[in-house]
Amino acid sequence: MDILGTSLRVCVDDMDSAIAVYEKLTGAEAVRFQRGPVAVAAVGCFFLMSGPESEMSILRKITATIAVKDVDEAIADLTAVGGQIVAGPLPAPVGRTLVARHPDGSIFEYVDRNPTA
């Protein structure tokens, strides 16, 4: 699988305050979007997330978001090494996403920019 980049996931209580900090640290402007009841802001290599505790308790278990060329290729490679697909693939704002558990127990989100696949 081609890994194109990684974004760190940061769960925050106060989105506006967090955005100000991460914009200053990265020099990047936040791009905000909503994912169900969760507010998300992409700032540089960070995904800031804020929402109801019922959602956040699940999101805190995911270590990072990994951008890949193709989610289907990621599924094949992950299952080949003993990984387990926990959720997805599902449509995402720019493509598709899935959540996978690696054999060591780590949980990652994988996303691609392939909305037509």
N, C-alpha and C. Protein backbone atom coordinates (compact mmCIF):
# COMPACT_ATOMS: atom_id res chain seq x y z
N MET A 1 0.84 -1.17 0.00
CA MET A 1 0.00 0.00 0.00
C MET A 1 0.88 1.23 0.00
N ASP A 2 0.45 2.25 -0.70
CA ASP A 2 1.17 3.52 -0.73
C ASP A 2 0.64 4.42 0.37
N ILE A 3 1.47 4.69 1.39
CA ILE A 3 1.10 5.62 2.45
C ILE A 3 1.54 7.01 2.03
N LEU A 4 0.59 7.93 1.94
CA LEU A 4 0.84 9.27 1.45
C LEU A 4 1.11 10.27 2.56
N GLY A 5 0.69 9.96 3.78
CA GLY A 5 0.89 10.86 4.91
C GLY A 5 0.12 10.39 6.11
N THR A 6 0.38 11.02 7.24
CA THR A 6 -0.27 10.67 8.49
C THR A 6 -0.73 11.93 9.19
N SER A 7 -1.93 11.89 9.76
CA SER A 7 -2.45 12.99 10.55
C SER A 7 -2.66 12.51 11.97
N LEU A 8 -2.24 13.32 12.91
CA LEU A 8 -2.42 13.01 14.32
C LEU A 8 -3.80 13.45 14.76
N ARG A 9 -4.44 12.65 15.55
CA ARG A 9 -5.80 12.93 16.02
C ARG A 9 -5.73 13.50 17.43
N VAL A 10 -6.35 14.66 17.65
CA VAL A 10 -6.33 15.32 18.95
C VAL A 10 -7.78 15.61 19.35
N CYS A 11 -8.22 15.02 20.45
CA CYS A 11 -9.56 15.27 20.97
C CYS A 11 -9.49 16.47 21.89
N VAL A 12 -10.36 17.46 21.65
CA VAL A 12 -10.32 18.71 22.41
C VAL A 12 -11.70 19.03 22.95
N ASP A 13 -11.73 19.78 24.03
CA ASP A 13 -13.00 20.23 24.61
C ASP A 13 -13.47 21.53 23.98
N ASP A 14 -12.54 22.44 23.70
CA ASP A 14 -12.86 23.76 23.18
C ASP A 14 -12.23 23.92 21.80
N MET A 15 -13.01 23.69 20.76
CA MET A 15 -12.50 23.69 19.39
C MET A 15 -11.89 25.03 19.01
N ASP A 16 -12.55 26.14 19.31
CA ASP A 16 -12.05 27.45 18.92
C ASP A 16 -10.69 27.75 19.55
N SER A 17 -10.53 27.46 20.83
CA SER A 17 -9.24 27.69 21.49
C SER A 17 -8.16 26.78 20.91
N ALA A 18 -8.51 25.53 20.67
CA ALA A 18 -7.54 24.58 20.12
C ALA A 18 -7.10 24.99 18.72
N ILE A 19 -8.05 25.44 17.91
CA ILE A 19 -7.70 25.86 16.55
C ILE A 19 -6.69 27.00 16.60
N ALA A 20 -6.91 27.96 17.48
CA ALA A 20 -5.97 29.08 17.58
C ALA A 20 -4.56 28.60 17.90
N VAL A 21 -4.45 27.65 18.81
CA VAL A 21 -3.14 27.11 19.20
C VAL A 21 -2.49 26.38 18.02
N TYR A 22 -3.22 25.48 17.38
CA TYR A 22 -2.64 24.67 16.31
C TYR A 22 -2.36 25.48 15.05
N GLU A 23 -3.17 26.50 14.78
CA GLU A 23 -2.86 27.38 13.65
C GLU A 23 -1.55 28.12 13.91
N LYS A 24 -1.36 28.57 15.13
CA LYS A 24 -0.13 29.28 15.48
C LYS A 24 1.08 28.34 15.40
N LEU A 25 0.93 27.11 15.90
CA LEU A 25 2.03 26.14 15.89
C LEU A 25 2.41 25.69 14.48
N THR A 26 1.41 25.49 13.63
CA THR A 26 1.68 24.93 12.30
C THR A 26 1.82 25.97 11.21
N GLY A 27 1.30 27.17 11.44
CA GLY A 27 1.28 28.18 10.39
C GLY A 27 0.25 27.88 9.31
N ALA A 28 -0.64 26.92 9.58
CA ALA A 28 -1.67 26.53 8.62
C ALA A 28 -3.04 27.01 9.09
N GLU A 29 -3.92 27.26 8.15
CA GLU A 29 -5.28 27.66 8.46
C GLU A 29 -6.17 26.42 8.62
N ALA A 30 -7.03 26.44 9.62
CA ALA A 30 -7.92 25.30 9.88
C ALA A 30 -8.97 25.18 8.79
N VAL A 31 -9.25 23.94 8.43
CA VAL A 31 -10.36 23.61 7.54
C VAL A 31 -11.35 22.82 8.41
N ARG A 32 -12.52 23.40 8.61
CA ARG A 32 -13.52 22.78 9.49
C ARG A 32 -14.53 21.98 8.70
N PHE A 33 -14.97 20.88 9.30
CA PHE A 33 -16.09 20.12 8.76
C PHE A 33 -16.75 19.34 9.88
N GLN A 34 -17.92 18.85 9.61
CA GLN A 34 -18.70 18.11 10.58
C GLN A 34 -18.73 16.65 10.16
N ARG A 35 -18.54 15.75 11.07
CA ARG A 35 -18.64 14.31 10.81
C ARG A 35 -19.67 13.76 11.79
N GLY A 36 -20.93 13.77 11.38
CA GLY A 36 -22.01 13.42 12.31
C GLY A 36 -22.05 14.46 13.41
N PRO A 37 -22.09 14.03 14.67
CA PRO A 37 -22.15 14.98 15.78
C PRO A 37 -20.78 15.54 16.19
N VAL A 38 -19.73 15.14 15.49
CA VAL A 38 -18.37 15.54 15.86
C VAL A 38 -17.88 16.66 14.93
N ALA A 39 -17.42 17.74 15.56
CA ALA A 39 -16.79 18.84 14.81
C ALA A 39 -15.33 18.47 14.60
N VAL A 40 -14.85 18.66 13.38
CA VAL A 40 -13.47 18.33 13.04
C VAL A 40 -12.82 19.55 12.40
N ALA A 41 -11.55 19.76 12.72
CA ALA A 41 -10.77 20.80 12.07
C ALA A 41 -9.43 20.20 11.67
N ALA A 42 -9.12 20.28 10.39
CA ALA A 42 -7.81 19.84 9.90
C ALA A 42 -6.90 21.06 9.94
N VAL A 43 -5.80 20.95 10.70
CA VAL A 43 -4.84 22.05 10.83
C VAL A 43 -3.45 21.44 10.65
N GLY A 44 -2.85 21.70 9.50
CA GLY A 44 -1.56 21.08 9.22
C GLY A 44 -1.71 19.57 9.27
N CYS A 45 -0.87 18.92 10.06
CA CYS A 45 -0.92 17.45 10.16
C CYS A 45 -1.80 16.97 11.31
N PHE A 46 -2.63 17.86 11.87
CA PHE A 46 -3.48 17.51 13.00
C PHE A 46 -4.95 17.50 12.60
N PHE A 47 -5.70 16.53 13.14
CA PHE A 47 -7.15 16.53 13.08
C PHE A 47 -7.64 16.79 14.50
N LEU A 48 -8.21 17.97 14.73
CA LEU A 48 -8.80 18.29 16.02
C LEU A 48 -10.25 17.83 15.99
N MET A 49 -10.71 17.20 17.06
CA MET A 49 -12.06 16.67 17.11
C MET A 49 -12.72 17.02 18.43
N SER A 50 -14.00 17.40 18.36
CA SER A 50 -14.75 17.74 19.57
C SER A 50 -16.20 17.33 19.37
N GLY A 51 -16.79 16.76 20.40
CA GLY A 51 -18.18 16.34 20.29
C GLY A 51 -18.65 15.64 21.54
N PRO A 52 -19.79 14.98 21.45
CA PRO A 52 -20.35 14.27 22.60
C PRO A 52 -19.41 13.17 23.09
N GLU A 53 -19.38 12.99 24.40
CA GLU A 53 -18.48 11.99 24.99
C GLU A 53 -18.72 10.60 24.43
N SER A 54 -19.97 10.27 24.10
CA SER A 54 -20.24 8.94 23.54
C SER A 54 -19.47 8.71 22.24
N GLU A 55 -19.30 9.75 21.45
CA GLU A 55 -18.53 9.66 20.20
C GLU A 55 -17.02 9.77 20.48
N MET A 56 -16.65 10.67 21.37
CA MET A 56 -15.24 10.92 21.63
C MET A 56 -14.57 9.71 22.26
N SER A 57 -15.28 8.95 23.09
CA SER A 57 -14.69 7.77 23.72
C SER A 57 -14.28 6.75 22.67
N ILE A 58 -14.99 6.69 21.57
CA ILE A 58 -14.63 5.80 20.46
C ILE A 58 -13.46 6.38 19.68
N LEU A 59 -13.52 7.67 19.37
CA LEU A 59 -12.47 8.31 18.57
C LEU A 59 -11.12 8.31 19.27
N ARG A 60 -11.09 8.36 20.59
CA ARG A 60 -9.83 8.35 21.33
C ARG A 60 -9.05 7.04 21.16
N LYS A 61 -9.73 5.99 20.74
CA LYS A 61 -9.07 4.70 20.57
C LYS A 61 -8.29 4.61 19.27
N ILE A 62 -8.53 5.54 18.34
CA ILE A 62 -7.86 5.51 17.04
C ILE A 62 -6.60 6.37 17.13
N THR A 63 -5.45 5.74 16.91
CA THR A 63 -4.16 6.38 17.10
C THR A 63 -3.90 7.53 16.13
N ALA A 64 -4.16 7.31 14.85
CA ALA A 64 -3.85 8.31 13.83
C ALA A 64 -4.67 8.02 12.58
N THR A 65 -4.70 8.98 11.67
CA THR A 65 -5.32 8.79 10.37
C THR A 65 -4.22 8.70 9.33
N ILE A 66 -4.26 7.68 8.51
CA ILE A 66 -3.23 7.43 7.51
C ILE A 66 -3.84 7.60 6.12
N ALA A 67 -3.28 8.51 5.35
CA ALA A 67 -3.73 8.72 3.98
C ALA A 67 -3.05 7.69 3.08
N VAL A 68 -3.85 7.00 2.29
CA VAL A 68 -3.32 5.98 1.38
C VAL A 68 -3.83 6.25 -0.03
N LYS A 69 -3.17 5.66 -0.99
CA LYS A 69 -3.59 5.83 -2.38
C LYS A 69 -4.94 5.18 -2.63
N ASP A 70 -5.15 3.98 -2.04
CA ASP A 70 -6.37 3.23 -2.31
C ASP A 70 -6.74 2.39 -1.09
N VAL A 71 -7.93 2.59 -0.55
CA VAL A 71 -8.40 1.86 0.62
C VAL A 71 -8.49 0.35 0.33
N ASP A 72 -8.90 -0.02 -0.88
CA ASP A 72 -8.99 -1.45 -1.20
C ASP A 72 -7.63 -2.13 -1.12
N GLU A 73 -6.60 -1.44 -1.58
CA GLU A 73 -5.24 -1.97 -1.48
C GLU A 73 -4.82 -2.08 -0.01
N ALA A 74 -5.21 -1.09 0.80
CA ALA A 74 -4.90 -1.13 2.23
C ALA A 74 -5.56 -2.34 2.89
N ILE A 75 -6.81 -2.63 2.52
CA ILE A 75 -7.51 -3.79 3.08
C ILE A 75 -6.75 -5.06 2.77
N ALA A 76 -6.33 -5.22 1.54
CA ALA A 76 -5.58 -6.42 1.15
C ALA A 76 -4.29 -6.55 1.95
N ASP A 77 -3.55 -5.46 2.07
CA ASP A 77 -2.28 -5.50 2.80
C ASP A 77 -2.48 -5.72 4.29
N LEU A 78 -3.49 -5.08 4.85
CA LEU A 78 -3.76 -5.24 6.28
C LEU A 78 -4.18 -6.66 6.62
N THR A 79 -5.07 -7.24 5.83
CA THR A 79 -5.50 -8.61 6.11
C THR A 79 -4.36 -9.60 5.88
N ALA A 80 -3.48 -9.30 4.94
CA ALA A 80 -2.33 -10.19 4.67
C ALA A 80 -1.38 -10.28 5.86
N VAL A 81 -1.31 -9.22 6.66
CA VAL A 81 -0.40 -9.24 7.82
C VAL A 81 -1.15 -9.56 9.12
N GLY A 82 -2.42 -9.95 9.02
CA GLY A 82 -3.18 -10.33 10.20
C GLY A 82 -3.98 -9.20 10.82
N GLY A 83 -4.12 -8.09 10.11
CA GLY A 83 -4.94 -6.99 10.60
C GLY A 83 -6.42 -7.32 10.46
N GLN A 84 -7.24 -6.59 11.18
CA GLN A 84 -8.69 -6.80 11.16
C GLN A 84 -9.37 -5.49 10.79
N ILE A 85 -10.27 -5.54 9.83
CA ILE A 85 -11.05 -4.36 9.46
C ILE A 85 -12.18 -4.22 10.47
N VAL A 86 -12.20 -3.11 11.19
CA VAL A 86 -13.18 -2.87 12.24
C VAL A 86 -14.42 -2.18 11.68
N ALA A 87 -14.22 -1.26 10.75
CA ALA A 87 -15.34 -0.52 10.15
C ALA A 87 -14.96 -0.07 8.75
N GLY A 88 -15.92 -0.12 7.84
CA GLY A 88 -15.70 0.40 6.50
C GLY A 88 -15.36 -0.70 5.51
N PRO A 89 -15.05 -0.25 4.31
CA PRO A 89 -14.88 1.14 3.89
C PRO A 89 -16.22 1.87 3.78
N LEU A 90 -16.16 3.16 4.12
CA LEU A 90 -17.32 4.05 4.08
C LEU A 90 -16.97 5.32 3.33
N PRO A 91 -17.97 5.99 2.76
CA PRO A 91 -17.69 7.28 2.11
C PRO A 91 -17.19 8.30 3.13
N ALA A 92 -16.26 9.14 2.70
CA ALA A 92 -15.72 10.22 3.53
C ALA A 92 -15.84 11.52 2.73
N PRO A 93 -15.56 12.66 3.35
CA PRO A 93 -15.70 13.93 2.62
C PRO A 93 -14.94 13.99 1.29
N VAL A 94 -13.80 13.33 1.20
CA VAL A 94 -13.02 13.40 -0.05
C VAL A 94 -12.79 12.05 -0.70
N GLY A 95 -13.27 10.98 -0.12
CA GLY A 95 -13.01 9.65 -0.68
C GLY A 95 -13.66 8.57 0.17
N ARG A 96 -12.84 7.65 0.63
CA ARG A 96 -13.35 6.55 1.46
C ARG A 96 -12.48 6.40 2.70
N THR A 97 -13.04 5.78 3.72
CA THR A 97 -12.34 5.58 4.98
C THR A 97 -12.62 4.19 5.53
N LEU A 98 -11.68 3.69 6.30
CA LEU A 98 -11.89 2.45 7.04
C LEU A 98 -11.11 2.54 8.34
N VAL A 99 -11.50 1.73 9.30
CA VAL A 99 -10.79 1.63 10.57
C VAL A 99 -10.30 0.20 10.68
N ALA A 100 -9.01 0.05 11.02
CA ALA A 100 -8.42 -1.28 11.11
C ALA A 100 -7.63 -1.44 12.41
N ARG A 101 -7.65 -2.65 12.94
CA ARG A 101 -6.85 -3.01 14.11
C ARG A 101 -5.65 -3.80 13.60
N HIS A 102 -4.46 -3.32 13.93
CA HIS A 102 -3.24 -4.03 13.56
C HIS A 102 -3.06 -5.24 14.48
N PRO A 103 -2.24 -6.21 14.09
CA PRO A 103 -2.05 -7.39 14.93
C PRO A 103 -1.57 -7.06 16.35
N ASP A 104 -0.89 -5.92 16.55
CA ASP A 104 -0.43 -5.55 17.89
C ASP A 104 -1.51 -4.87 18.73
N GLY A 105 -2.70 -4.69 18.15
CA GLY A 105 -3.82 -4.08 18.86
C GLY A 105 -4.01 -2.60 18.57
N SER A 106 -3.06 -1.96 17.91
CA SER A 106 -3.20 -0.54 17.55
C SER A 106 -4.33 -0.37 16.55
N ILE A 107 -5.07 0.74 16.68
CA ILE A 107 -6.19 1.01 15.78
C ILE A 107 -5.90 2.28 15.00
N PHE A 108 -6.05 2.21 13.68
CA PHE A 108 -5.79 3.33 12.79
C PHE A 108 -6.95 3.52 11.82
N GLU A 109 -7.14 4.76 11.41
CA GLU A 109 -8.08 5.06 10.34
C GLU A 109 -7.26 5.19 9.06
N TYR A 110 -7.74 4.62 7.97
CA TYR A 110 -7.12 4.76 6.65
C TYR A 110 -8.09 5.50 5.76
N VAL A 111 -7.61 6.49 5.01
CA VAL A 111 -8.46 7.26 4.09
C VAL A 111 -7.79 7.37 2.73
N ASP A 112 -8.64 7.39 1.69
CA ASP A 112 -8.11 7.65 0.35
C ASP A 112 -8.89 8.81 -0.26
N ARG A 113 -8.48 9.21 -1.42
CA ARG A 113 -9.18 10.28 -2.17
C ARG A 113 -9.77 9.68 -3.44
N ASN A 114 -10.41 8.55 -3.29
CA ASN A 114 -10.92 7.80 -4.41
C ASN A 114 -12.44 7.63 -4.26
N PRO A 115 -13.20 8.70 -4.45
CA PRO A 115 -14.64 8.64 -4.19
C PRO A 115 -15.42 7.75 -5.15
N THR A 116 -14.86 7.41 -6.29
CA THR A 116 -15.61 6.64 -7.28
C THR A 116 -15.41 5.14 -7.16
N ALA A 117 -14.48 4.69 -6.34
CA ALA A 117 -14.19 3.25 -6.25
C ALA A 117 -15.25 2.54 -5.45
